[in-house]
Full PDB file with SEQRES, HELIX, SHEET, SSBOND, CRYST1, ORIGX, SCALE, CONECT and MASTER records, all heavy atoms in Angstrom:
SEQRES   1 A   38  LEU GLY ALA GLN GLY GLU PHE VAL ALA ALA ARG GLU LEU          
SEQRES   2 A   38  GLN GLN ARG VAL VAL GLU GLU MET ARG ALA LEU TRP GLY          
SEQRES   3 A   38  ASP GLU ASP ARG GLU THR LEU ARG ALA VAL ASN ASN              
HELIX    1 AA1 PHE A    7  TRP A   25  1                                  19    
HELIX    2 AA2 ARG A   30  ASN A   37  1                                   8    
CRYST1    1.000    1.000    1.000  90.00  90.00  90.00 P 1           1          
ORIGX1      1.000000  0.000000  0.000000        0.00000                         
ORIGX2      0.000000  1.000000  0.000000        0.00000                         
ORIGX3      0.000000  0.000000  1.000000        0.00000                         
SCALE1      1.000000  0.000000  0.000000        0.00000                         
SCALE2      0.000000  1.000000  0.000000        0.00000                         
SCALE3      0.000000  0.000000  1.000000        0.00000                         
ATOM      1  N   LEU A   1       6.173   6.168   6.672  1.00  0.00           N  
ATOM      2  CA  LEU A   1       6.648   5.911   5.319  1.00  0.00           C  
ATOM      3  C   LEU A   1       6.270   7.078   4.410  1.00  0.00           C  
ATOM      4  O   LEU A   1       7.066   7.529   3.577  1.00  0.00           O  
ATOM      5  CB  LEU A   1       6.057   4.611   4.787  1.00  0.00           C  
ATOM      6  CG  LEU A   1       6.570   3.309   5.433  1.00  0.00           C  
ATOM      7  CD1 LEU A   1       5.736   2.139   4.934  1.00  0.00           C  
ATOM      8  CD2 LEU A   1       8.041   3.092   5.141  1.00  0.00           C  
ATOM      9  N   GLY A   2       5.055   7.567   4.552  1.00  0.00           N  
ATOM     10  CA  GLY A   2       4.642   8.715   3.749  1.00  0.00           C  
ATOM     11  C   GLY A   2       5.472   9.942   4.049  1.00  0.00           C  
ATOM     12  O   GLY A   2       5.832  10.700   3.146  1.00  0.00           O  
ATOM     13  N   ALA A   3       5.760  10.151   5.333  1.00  0.00           N  
ATOM     14  CA  ALA A   3       6.566  11.314   5.729  1.00  0.00           C  
ATOM     15  C   ALA A   3       7.983  11.224   5.160  1.00  0.00           C  
ATOM     16  O   ALA A   3       8.633  12.248   4.937  1.00  0.00           O  
ATOM     17  CB  ALA A   3       6.619  11.415   7.257  1.00  0.00           C  
ATOM     18  N   GLN A   4       8.453  10.015   4.910  1.00  0.00           N  
ATOM     19  CA  GLN A   4       9.763   9.811   4.306  1.00  0.00           C  
ATOM     20  C   GLN A   4       9.721   9.881   2.790  1.00  0.00           C  
ATOM     21  O   GLN A   4      10.748   9.735   2.136  1.00  0.00           O  
ATOM     22  CB  GLN A   4      10.330   8.450   4.736  1.00  0.00           C  
ATOM     23  CG  GLN A   4      10.744   8.388   6.194  1.00  0.00           C  
ATOM     24  CD  GLN A   4      11.393   7.065   6.554  1.00  0.00           C  
ATOM     25  OE1 GLN A   4      10.873   5.999   6.249  1.00  0.00           O  
ATOM     26  NE2 GLN A   4      12.545   7.126   7.202  1.00  0.00           N  
ATOM     27  N   GLY A   5       8.542  10.111   2.239  1.00  0.00           N  
ATOM     28  CA  GLY A   5       8.417  10.212   0.784  1.00  0.00           C  
ATOM     29  C   GLY A   5       8.253   8.898   0.071  1.00  0.00           C  
ATOM     30  O   GLY A   5       8.251   8.854  -1.166  1.00  0.00           O  
ATOM     31  N   GLU A   6       8.093   7.816   0.805  1.00  0.00           N  
ATOM     32  CA  GLU A   6       7.904   6.498   0.190  1.00  0.00           C  
ATOM     33  C   GLU A   6       6.405   6.266  -0.010  1.00  0.00           C  
ATOM     34  O   GLU A   6       5.763   5.461   0.677  1.00  0.00           O  
ATOM     35  CB  GLU A   6       8.540   5.410   1.065  1.00  0.00           C  
ATOM     36  CG  GLU A   6      10.049   5.563   1.182  1.00  0.00           C  
ATOM     37  CD  GLU A   6      10.719   4.349   1.788  1.00  0.00           C  
ATOM     38  OE1 GLU A   6      10.131   3.253   1.705  1.00  0.00           O  
ATOM     39  OE2 GLU A   6      11.815   4.511   2.344  1.00  0.00           O  
ATOM     40  N   PHE A   7       5.845   6.981  -0.973  1.00  0.00           N  
ATOM     41  CA  PHE A   7       4.401   7.046  -1.131  1.00  0.00           C  
ATOM     42  C   PHE A   7       3.794   5.722  -1.588  1.00  0.00           C  
ATOM     43  O   PHE A   7       2.688   5.372  -1.169  1.00  0.00           O  
ATOM     44  CB  PHE A   7       4.019   8.156  -2.104  1.00  0.00           C  
ATOM     45  CG  PHE A   7       4.461   9.520  -1.669  1.00  0.00           C  
ATOM     46  CD1 PHE A   7       5.219  10.334  -2.515  1.00  0.00           C  
ATOM     47  CD2 PHE A   7       4.157   9.979  -0.404  1.00  0.00           C  
ATOM     48  CE1 PHE A   7       5.630  11.582  -2.090  1.00  0.00           C  
ATOM     49  CE2 PHE A   7       4.559  11.238   0.020  1.00  0.00           C  
ATOM     50  CZ  PHE A   7       5.289  12.040  -0.829  1.00  0.00           C  
ATOM     51  N   VAL A   8       4.490   5.006  -2.445  1.00  0.00           N  
ATOM     52  CA  VAL A   8       3.942   3.723  -2.930  1.00  0.00           C  
ATOM     53  C   VAL A   8       3.833   2.728  -1.783  1.00  0.00           C  
ATOM     54  O   VAL A   8       2.771   2.103  -1.575  1.00  0.00           O  
ATOM     55  CB  VAL A   8       4.807   3.144  -4.069  1.00  0.00           C  
ATOM     56  CG1 VAL A   8       4.311   1.749  -4.452  1.00  0.00           C  
ATOM     57  CG2 VAL A   8       4.786   4.065  -5.279  1.00  0.00           C  
ATOM     58  N   ALA A   9       4.912   2.582  -1.018  1.00  0.00           N  
ATOM     59  CA  ALA A   9       4.894   1.647   0.122  1.00  0.00           C  
ATOM     60  C   ALA A   9       3.883   2.089   1.166  1.00  0.00           C  
ATOM     61  O   ALA A   9       3.168   1.255   1.741  1.00  0.00           O  
ATOM     62  CB  ALA A   9       6.288   1.575   0.743  1.00  0.00           C  
ATOM     63  N   ALA A  10       3.806   3.391   1.402  1.00  0.00           N  
ATOM     64  CA  ALA A  10       2.855   3.907   2.386  1.00  0.00           C  
ATOM     65  C   ALA A  10       1.425   3.646   1.941  1.00  0.00           C  
ATOM     66  O   ALA A  10       0.594   3.189   2.742  1.00  0.00           O  
ATOM     67  CB  ALA A  10       3.073   5.411   2.582  1.00  0.00           C  
ATOM     68  N   ARG A  11       1.131   3.916   0.672  1.00  0.00           N  
ATOM     69  CA  ARG A  11      -0.222   3.724   0.172  1.00  0.00           C  
ATOM     70  C   ARG A  11      -0.637   2.259   0.236  1.00  0.00           C  
ATOM     71  O   ARG A  11      -1.756   1.936   0.655  1.00  0.00           O  
ATOM     72  CB  ARG A  11      -0.337   4.221  -1.263  1.00  0.00           C  
ATOM     73  CG  ARG A  11      -1.769   4.162  -1.810  1.00  0.00           C  
ATOM     74  CD  ARG A  11      -1.840   4.650  -3.242  1.00  0.00           C  
ATOM     75  NE  ARG A  11      -1.165   3.742  -4.169  1.00  0.00           N  
ATOM     76  CZ  ARG A  11      -0.062   4.055  -4.830  1.00  0.00           C  
ATOM     77  NH1 ARG A  11       0.516   5.236  -4.694  1.00  0.00           N  
ATOM     78  NH2 ARG A  11       0.500   3.180  -5.665  1.00  0.00           N  
ATOM     79  N   GLU A  12       0.265   1.366  -0.165  1.00  0.00           N  
ATOM     80  CA  GLU A  12      -0.056  -0.065  -0.145  1.00  0.00           C  
ATOM     81  C   GLU A  12      -0.348  -0.558   1.280  1.00  0.00           C  
ATOM     82  O   GLU A  12      -1.311  -1.300   1.509  1.00  0.00           O  
ATOM     83  CB  GLU A  12       1.097  -0.874  -0.750  1.00  0.00           C  
ATOM     84  CG  GLU A  12       1.235  -0.671  -2.254  1.00  0.00           C  
ATOM     85  CD  GLU A  12       2.438  -1.413  -2.823  1.00  0.00           C  
ATOM     86  OE1 GLU A  12       3.249  -1.924  -2.018  1.00  0.00           O  
ATOM     87  OE2 GLU A  12       2.562  -1.468  -4.058  1.00  0.00           O  
ATOM     88  N   LEU A  13       0.473  -0.095   2.227  1.00  0.00           N  
ATOM     89  CA  LEU A  13       0.274  -0.517   3.615  1.00  0.00           C  
ATOM     90  C   LEU A  13      -1.016   0.085   4.157  1.00  0.00           C  
ATOM     91  O   LEU A  13      -1.806  -0.610   4.832  1.00  0.00           O  
ATOM     92  CB  LEU A  13       1.461  -0.089   4.461  1.00  0.00           C  
ATOM     93  CG  LEU A  13       1.416  -0.484   5.947  1.00  0.00           C  
ATOM     94  CD1 LEU A  13       1.306  -1.996   6.111  1.00  0.00           C  
ATOM     95  CD2 LEU A  13       2.647   0.032   6.689  1.00  0.00           C  
ATOM     96  N   GLN A  14      -1.262   1.352   3.879  1.00  0.00           N  
ATOM     97  CA  GLN A  14      -2.449   2.012   4.403  1.00  0.00           C  
ATOM     98  C   GLN A  14      -3.726   1.453   3.784  1.00  0.00           C  
ATOM     99  O   GLN A  14      -4.742   1.325   4.478  1.00  0.00           O  
ATOM    100  CB  GLN A  14      -2.345   3.514   4.178  1.00  0.00           C  
ATOM    101  CG  GLN A  14      -1.293   4.167   5.087  1.00  0.00           C  
ATOM    102  CD  GLN A  14      -1.022   5.606   4.710  1.00  0.00           C  
ATOM    103  OE1 GLN A  14      -1.090   5.981   3.550  1.00  0.00           O  
ATOM    104  NE2 GLN A  14      -0.711   6.419   5.700  1.00  0.00           N  
ATOM    105  N   GLN A  15      -3.697   1.113   2.517  1.00  0.00           N  
ATOM    106  CA  GLN A  15      -4.870   0.505   1.897  1.00  0.00           C  
ATOM    107  C   GLN A  15      -5.180  -0.835   2.545  1.00  0.00           C  
ATOM    108  O   GLN A  15      -6.359  -1.183   2.771  1.00  0.00           O  
ATOM    109  CB  GLN A  15      -4.649   0.330   0.402  1.00  0.00           C  
ATOM    110  CG  GLN A  15      -4.733   1.644  -0.371  1.00  0.00           C  
ATOM    111  CD  GLN A  15      -4.410   1.481  -1.835  1.00  0.00           C  
ATOM    112  OE1 GLN A  15      -3.651   0.597  -2.230  1.00  0.00           O  
ATOM    113  NE2 GLN A  15      -4.965   2.360  -2.655  1.00  0.00           N  
ATOM    114  N   ARG A  16      -4.139  -1.590   2.850  1.00  0.00           N  
ATOM    115  CA  ARG A  16      -4.336  -2.877   3.518  1.00  0.00           C  
ATOM    116  C   ARG A  16      -4.958  -2.668   4.895  1.00  0.00           C  
ATOM    117  O   ARG A  16      -5.881  -3.391   5.292  1.00  0.00           O  
ATOM    118  CB  ARG A  16      -2.991  -3.597   3.643  1.00  0.00           C  
ATOM    119  CG  ARG A  16      -3.081  -4.885   4.429  1.00  0.00           C  
ATOM    120  CD  ARG A  16      -1.695  -5.505   4.597  1.00  0.00           C  
ATOM    121  NE  ARG A  16      -1.758  -6.639   5.496  1.00  0.00           N  
ATOM    122  CZ  ARG A  16      -0.676  -7.286   5.933  1.00  0.00           C  
ATOM    123  NH1 ARG A  16       0.533  -6.912   5.527  1.00  0.00           N  
ATOM    124  NH2 ARG A  16      -0.802  -8.295   6.767  1.00  0.00           N  
ATOM    125  N   VAL A  17      -4.452  -1.680   5.623  1.00  0.00           N  
ATOM    126  CA  VAL A  17      -4.976  -1.408   6.961  1.00  0.00           C  
ATOM    127  C   VAL A  17      -6.446  -1.001   6.889  1.00  0.00           C  
ATOM    128  O   VAL A  17      -7.272  -1.451   7.683  1.00  0.00           O  
ATOM    129  CB  VAL A  17      -4.128  -0.316   7.650  1.00  0.00           C  
ATOM    130  CG1 VAL A  17      -4.807   0.167   8.940  1.00  0.00           C  
ATOM    131  CG2 VAL A  17      -2.727  -0.819   7.961  1.00  0.00           C  
ATOM    132  N   VAL A  18      -6.782  -0.130   5.927  1.00  0.00           N  
ATOM    133  CA  VAL A  18      -8.174   0.304   5.774  1.00  0.00           C  
ATOM    134  C   VAL A  18      -9.077  -0.886   5.508  1.00  0.00           C  
ATOM    135  O   VAL A  18     -10.150  -1.041   6.116  1.00  0.00           O  
ATOM    136  CB  VAL A  18      -8.297   1.335   4.628  1.00  0.00           C  
ATOM    137  CG1 VAL A  18      -9.762   1.555   4.256  1.00  0.00           C  
ATOM    138  CG2 VAL A  18      -7.650   2.652   5.030  1.00  0.00           C  
ATOM    139  N   GLU A  19      -8.663  -1.761   4.611  1.00  0.00           N  
ATOM    140  CA  GLU A  19      -9.479  -2.936   4.263  1.00  0.00           C  
ATOM    141  C   GLU A  19      -9.671  -3.848   5.465  1.00  0.00           C  
ATOM    142  O   GLU A  19     -10.781  -4.339   5.725  1.00  0.00           O  
ATOM    143  CB  GLU A  19      -8.826  -3.698   3.118  1.00  0.00           C  
ATOM    144  CG  GLU A  19      -8.855  -2.956   1.780  1.00  0.00           C  
ATOM    145  CD  GLU A  19      -7.998  -3.630   0.727  1.00  0.00           C  
ATOM    146  OE1 GLU A  19      -7.393  -4.683   1.039  1.00  0.00           O  
ATOM    147  OE2 GLU A  19      -7.923  -3.092  -0.389  1.00  0.00           O  
ATOM    148  N   GLU A  20      -8.591  -4.085   6.216  1.00  0.00           N  
ATOM    149  CA  GLU A  20      -8.686  -4.975   7.370  1.00  0.00           C  
ATOM    150  C   GLU A  20      -9.541  -4.353   8.478  1.00  0.00           C  
ATOM    151  O   GLU A  20     -10.326  -5.044   9.154  1.00  0.00           O  
ATOM    152  CB  GLU A  20      -7.288  -5.286   7.916  1.00  0.00           C  
ATOM    153  CG  GLU A  20      -6.405  -6.094   6.969  1.00  0.00           C  
ATOM    154  CD  GLU A  20      -6.938  -7.502   6.722  1.00  0.00           C  
ATOM    155  OE1 GLU A  20      -7.794  -7.973   7.501  1.00  0.00           O  
ATOM    156  OE2 GLU A  20      -6.488  -8.145   5.749  1.00  0.00           O  
ATOM    157  N   MET A  21      -9.397  -3.034   8.690  1.00  0.00           N  
ATOM    158  CA  MET A  21     -10.201  -2.376   9.725  1.00  0.00           C  
ATOM    159  C   MET A  21     -11.665  -2.336   9.349  1.00  0.00           C  
ATOM    160  O   MET A  21     -12.540  -2.487  10.204  1.00  0.00           O  
ATOM    161  CB  MET A  21      -9.654  -0.964   9.971  1.00  0.00           C  
ATOM    162  CG  MET A  21      -8.364  -0.943  10.749  1.00  0.00           C  
ATOM    163  SD  MET A  21      -7.854   0.728  11.219  1.00  0.00           S  
ATOM    164  CE  MET A  21      -6.510   0.340  12.361  1.00  0.00           C  
ATOM    165  N   ARG A  22     -11.947  -2.132   8.078  1.00  0.00           N  
ATOM    166  CA  ARG A  22     -13.337  -2.179   7.635  1.00  0.00           C  
ATOM    167  C   ARG A  22     -13.945  -3.574   7.869  1.00  0.00           C  
ATOM    168  O   ARG A  22     -15.104  -3.699   8.269  1.00  0.00           O  
ATOM    169  CB  ARG A  22     -13.427  -1.799   6.164  1.00  0.00           C  
ATOM    170  CG  ARG A  22     -13.361  -0.306   5.899  1.00  0.00           C  
ATOM    171  CD  ARG A  22     -13.337   0.032   4.433  1.00  0.00           C  
ATOM    172  NE  ARG A  22     -13.493   1.468   4.208  1.00  0.00           N  
ATOM    173  CZ  ARG A  22     -13.231   2.079   3.076  1.00  0.00           C  
ATOM    174  NH1 ARG A  22     -12.780   1.385   2.030  1.00  0.00           N  
ATOM    175  NH2 ARG A  22     -13.406   3.383   2.951  1.00  0.00           N  
ATOM    176  N   ALA A  23     -13.141  -4.598   7.625  1.00  0.00           N  
ATOM    177  CA  ALA A  23     -13.621  -5.971   7.831  1.00  0.00           C  
ATOM    178  C   ALA A  23     -13.866  -6.251   9.321  1.00  0.00           C  
ATOM    179  O   ALA A  23     -14.819  -6.959   9.670  1.00  0.00           O  
ATOM    180  CB  ALA A  23     -12.606  -6.968   7.268  1.00  0.00           C  
ATOM    181  N   LEU A  24     -13.012  -5.675  10.174  1.00  0.00           N  
ATOM    182  CA  LEU A  24     -13.142  -5.912  11.619  1.00  0.00           C  
ATOM    183  C   LEU A  24     -14.252  -5.083  12.241  1.00  0.00           C  
ATOM    184  O   LEU A  24     -15.056  -5.589  13.024  1.00  0.00           O  
ATOM    185  CB  LEU A  24     -11.821  -5.584  12.307  1.00  0.00           C  
ATOM    186  CG  LEU A  24     -10.699  -6.618  12.235  1.00  0.00           C  
ATOM    187  CD1 LEU A  24      -9.416  -6.030  12.829  1.00  0.00           C  
ATOM    188  CD2 LEU A  24     -11.072  -7.892  12.980  1.00  0.00           C  
ATOM    189  N   TRP A  25     -14.284  -3.794  11.917  1.00  0.00           N  
ATOM    190  CA  TRP A  25     -15.150  -2.873  12.667  1.00  0.00           C  
ATOM    191  C   TRP A  25     -16.188  -2.152  11.806  1.00  0.00           C  
ATOM    192  O   TRP A  25     -17.058  -1.484  12.350  1.00  0.00           O  
ATOM    193  CB  TRP A  25     -14.272  -1.803  13.360  1.00  0.00           C  
ATOM    194  CG  TRP A  25     -13.324  -2.384  14.344  1.00  0.00           C  
ATOM    195  CD1 TRP A  25     -13.607  -3.266  15.352  1.00  0.00           C  
ATOM    196  CD2 TRP A  25     -11.913  -2.142  14.433  1.00  0.00           C  
ATOM    197  NE1 TRP A  25     -12.480  -3.574  16.052  1.00  0.00           N  
ATOM    198  CE2 TRP A  25     -11.423  -2.901  15.515  1.00  0.00           C  
ATOM    199  CE3 TRP A  25     -11.018  -1.362  13.714  1.00  0.00           C  
ATOM    200  CZ2 TRP A  25     -10.084  -2.898  15.882  1.00  0.00           C  
ATOM    201  CZ3 TRP A  25      -9.683  -1.352  14.082  1.00  0.00           C  
ATOM    202  CH2 TRP A  25      -9.218  -2.112  15.148  1.00  0.00           C  
ATOM    203  N   GLY A  26     -16.082  -2.235  10.493  1.00  0.00           N  
ATOM    204  CA  GLY A  26     -17.015  -1.518   9.641  1.00  0.00           C  
ATOM    205  C   GLY A  26     -16.499  -0.161   9.238  1.00  0.00           C  
ATOM    206  O   GLY A  26     -15.448   0.302   9.689  1.00  0.00           O  
ATOM    207  N   ASP A  27     -17.274   0.522   8.389  1.00  0.00           N  
ATOM    208  CA  ASP A  27     -16.846   1.806   7.834  1.00  0.00           C  
ATOM    209  C   ASP A  27     -16.949   2.961   8.831  1.00  0.00           C  
ATOM    210  O   ASP A  27     -16.320   4.002   8.595  1.00  0.00           O  
ATOM    211  CB  ASP A  27     -17.712   2.154   6.607  1.00  0.00           C  
ATOM    212  CG  ASP A  27     -17.473   1.190   5.455  1.00  0.00           C  
ATOM    213  OD1 ASP A  27     -16.407   0.557   5.409  1.00  0.00           O  
ATOM    214  OD2 ASP A  27     -18.378   1.078   4.593  1.00  0.00           O  
ATOM    215  N   GLU A  28     -17.740   2.805   9.884  1.00  0.00           N  
ATOM    216  CA  GLU A  28     -18.040   3.937  10.747  1.00  0.00           C  
ATOM    217  C   GLU A  28     -17.256   3.924  12.050  1.00  0.00           C  
ATOM    218  O   GLU A  28     -17.460   4.803  12.902  1.00  0.00           O  
ATOM    219  CB  GLU A  28     -19.547   3.989  11.052  1.00  0.00           C  
ATOM    220  CG  GLU A  28     -20.379   4.189   9.790  1.00  0.00           C  
ATOM    221  CD  GLU A  28     -21.853   4.368  10.092  1.00  0.00           C  
ATOM    222  OE1 GLU A  28     -22.261   4.138  11.270  1.00  0.00           O  
ATOM    223  OE2 GLU A  28     -22.602   4.751   9.179  1.00  0.00           O  
ATOM    224  N   ASP A  29     -16.363   2.970  12.230  1.00  0.00           N  
ATOM    225  CA  ASP A  29     -15.562   2.933  13.456  1.00  0.00           C  
ATOM    226  C   ASP A  29     -14.501   4.026  13.426  1.00  0.00           C  
ATOM    227  O   ASP A  29     -13.981   4.387  12.364  1.00  0.00           O  
ATOM    228  CB  ASP A  29     -14.882   1.552  13.589  1.00  0.00           C  
ATOM    229  CG  ASP A  29     -14.124   1.433  14.898  1.00  0.00           C  
ATOM    230  OD1 ASP A  29     -14.759   1.105  15.919  1.00  0.00           O  
ATOM    231  OD2 ASP A  29     -12.896   1.683  14.898  1.00  0.00           O  
ATOM    232  N   ARG A  30     -14.189   4.551  14.584  1.00  0.00           N  
ATOM    233  CA  ARG A  30     -13.222   5.654  14.676  1.00  0.00           C  
ATOM    234  C   ARG A  30     -11.846   5.251  14.141  1.00  0.00           C  
ATOM    235  O   ARG A  30     -11.191   6.026  13.465  1.00  0.00           O  
ATOM    236  CB  ARG A  30     -13.099   6.088  16.141  1.00  0.00           C  
ATOM    237  CG  ARG A  30     -12.210   7.310  16.348  1.00  0.00           C  
ATOM    238  CD  ARG A  30     -12.182   7.696  17.822  1.00  0.00           C  
ATOM    239  NE  ARG A  30     -11.308   8.826  18.062  1.00  0.00           N  
ATOM    240  CZ  ARG A  30     -11.016   9.289  19.265  1.00  0.00           C  
ATOM    241  NH1 ARG A  30     -11.538   8.718  20.342  1.00  0.00           N  
ATOM    242  NH2 ARG A  30     -10.188  10.323  19.404  1.00  0.00           N  
ATOM    243  N   GLU A  31     -11.420   4.026  14.422  1.00  0.00           N  
ATOM    244  CA  GLU A  31     -10.106   3.571  13.935  1.00  0.00           C  
ATOM    245  C   GLU A  31     -10.106   3.465  12.403  1.00  0.00           C  
ATOM    246  O   GLU A  31      -9.109   3.809  11.754  1.00  0.00           O  
ATOM    247  CB  GLU A  31      -9.759   2.230  14.569  1.00  0.00           C  
ATOM    248  CG  GLU A  31      -9.532   2.272  16.060  1.00  0.00           C  
ATOM    249  CD  GLU A  31      -8.334   3.123  16.466  1.00  0.00           C  
ATOM    250  OE1 GLU A  31      -7.432   3.309  15.635  1.00  0.00           O  
ATOM    251  OE2 GLU A  31      -8.314   3.604  17.626  1.00  0.00           O  
ATOM    252  N   THR A  32     -11.202   3.017  11.848  1.00  0.00           N  
ATOM    253  CA  THR A  32     -11.309   2.946  10.382  1.00  0.00           C  
ATOM    254  C   THR A  32     -11.244   4.334   9.775  1.00  0.00           C  
ATOM    255  O   THR A  32     -10.531   4.561   8.773  1.00  0.00           O  
ATOM    256  CB  THR A  32     -12.618   2.258   9.972  1.00  0.00           C  
ATOM    257  OG1 THR A  32     -12.689   0.951  10.562  1.00  0.00           O  
ATOM    258  CG2 THR A  32     -12.706   2.126   8.461  1.00  0.00           C  
ATOM    259  N   LEU A  33     -11.970   5.270  10.358  1.00  0.00           N  
ATOM    260  CA  LEU A  33     -11.970   6.643   9.856  1.00  0.00           C  
ATOM    261  C   LEU A  33     -10.564   7.244   9.913  1.00  0.00           C  
ATOM    262  O   LEU A  33     -10.156   7.969   8.997  1.00  0.00           O  
ATOM    263  CB  LEU A  33     -12.962   7.491  10.654  1.00  0.00           C  
ATOM    264  CG  LEU A  33     -14.431   7.122  10.498  1.00  0.00           C  
ATOM    265  CD1 LEU A  33     -15.298   7.913  11.483  1.00  0.00           C  
ATOM    266  CD2 LEU A  33     -14.897   7.374   9.060  1.00  0.00           C  
ATOM    267  N   ARG A  34      -9.848   6.993  10.968  1.00  0.00           N  
ATOM    268  CA  ARG A  34      -8.476   7.495  11.084  1.00  0.00           C  
ATOM    269  C   ARG A  34      -7.584   6.894   9.999  1.00  0.00           C  
ATOM    270  O   ARG A  34      -6.743   7.575   9.434  1.00  0.00           O  
ATOM    271  CB  ARG A  34      -7.915   7.185  12.473  1.00  0.00           C  
ATOM    272  CG  ARG A  34      -8.491   8.046  13.578  1.00  0.00           C  
ATOM    273  CD  ARG A  34      -7.873   7.721  14.922  1.00  0.00           C  
ATOM    274  NE  ARG A  34      -8.244   8.683  15.936  1.00  0.00           N  
ATOM    275  CZ  ARG A  34      -7.800   8.657  17.188  1.00  0.00           C  
ATOM    276  NH1 ARG A  34      -6.980   7.671  17.577  1.00  0.00           N  
ATOM    277  NH2 ARG A  34      -8.182   9.574  18.044  1.00  0.00           N  
ATOM    278  N   ALA A  35      -7.774   5.616   9.756  1.00  0.00           N  
ATOM    279  CA  ALA A  35      -6.968   4.944   8.732  1.00  0.00           C  
ATOM    280  C   ALA A  35      -7.253   5.525   7.350  1.00  0.00           C  
ATOM    281  O   ALA A  35      -6.328   5.731   6.551  1.00  0.00           O  
ATOM    282  CB  ALA A  35      -7.240   3.437   8.750  1.00  0.00           C  
ATOM    283  N   VAL A  36      -8.523   5.789   7.062  1.00  0.00           N  
ATOM    284  CA  VAL A  36      -8.875   6.392   5.764  1.00  0.00           C  
ATOM    285  C   VAL A  36      -8.301   7.796   5.660  1.00  0.00           C  
ATOM    286  O   VAL A  36      -7.783   8.202   4.610  1.00  0.00           O  
ATOM    287  CB  VAL A  36     -10.404   6.413   5.588  1.00  0.00           C  
ATOM    288  CG1 VAL A  36     -10.781   7.146   4.317  1.00  0.00           C  
ATOM    289  CG2 VAL A  36     -10.952   4.992   5.553  1.00  0.00           C  
ATOM    290  N   ASN A  37      -8.369   8.548   6.738  1.00  0.00           N  
ATOM    291  CA  ASN A  37      -7.809   9.905   6.762  1.00  0.00           C  
ATOM    292  C   ASN A  37      -6.310   9.865   6.458  1.00  0.00           C  
ATOM    293  O   ASN A  37      -5.799  10.700   5.685  1.00  0.00           O  
ATOM    294  CB  ASN A  37      -8.059  10.548   8.123  1.00  0.00           C  
ATOM    295  CG  ASN A  37      -7.514  11.952   8.205  1.00  0.00           C  
ATOM    296  OD1 ASN A  37      -8.045  12.890   7.631  1.00  0.00           O  
ATOM    297  ND2 ASN A  37      -6.404  12.115   8.941  1.00  0.00           N  
ATOM    298  N   ASN A  38      -5.602   8.918   7.041  1.00  0.00           N  
ATOM    299  CA  ASN A  38      -4.162   8.790   6.801  1.00  0.00           C  
ATOM    300  C   ASN A  38      -3.865   8.430   5.349  1.00  0.00           C  
ATOM    301  O   ASN A  38      -2.913   8.940   4.748  1.00  0.00           O  
ATOM    302  CB  ASN A  38      -3.546   7.743   7.732  1.00  0.00           C  
ATOM    303  CG  ASN A  38      -3.537   8.203   9.178  1.00  0.00           C  
ATOM    304  OD1 ASN A  38      -3.730   9.369   9.483  1.00  0.00           O  
ATOM    305  ND2 ASN A  38      -3.322   7.261  10.089  1.00  0.00           N  
TER     306      ASN A  38                                                      
MASTER        0    0    0    2    0    0    0    6  305    1    0    3          
END                                                                             
């Protein structure tokens, strides 16, 4: 979505993913770090 220029939709989805991954695995998990990077 971000690559298509749909930044609002991309940001909302990515923020949700970050929050859910933090809840599942914590701040230091590799998947969480990748989600934050994205």
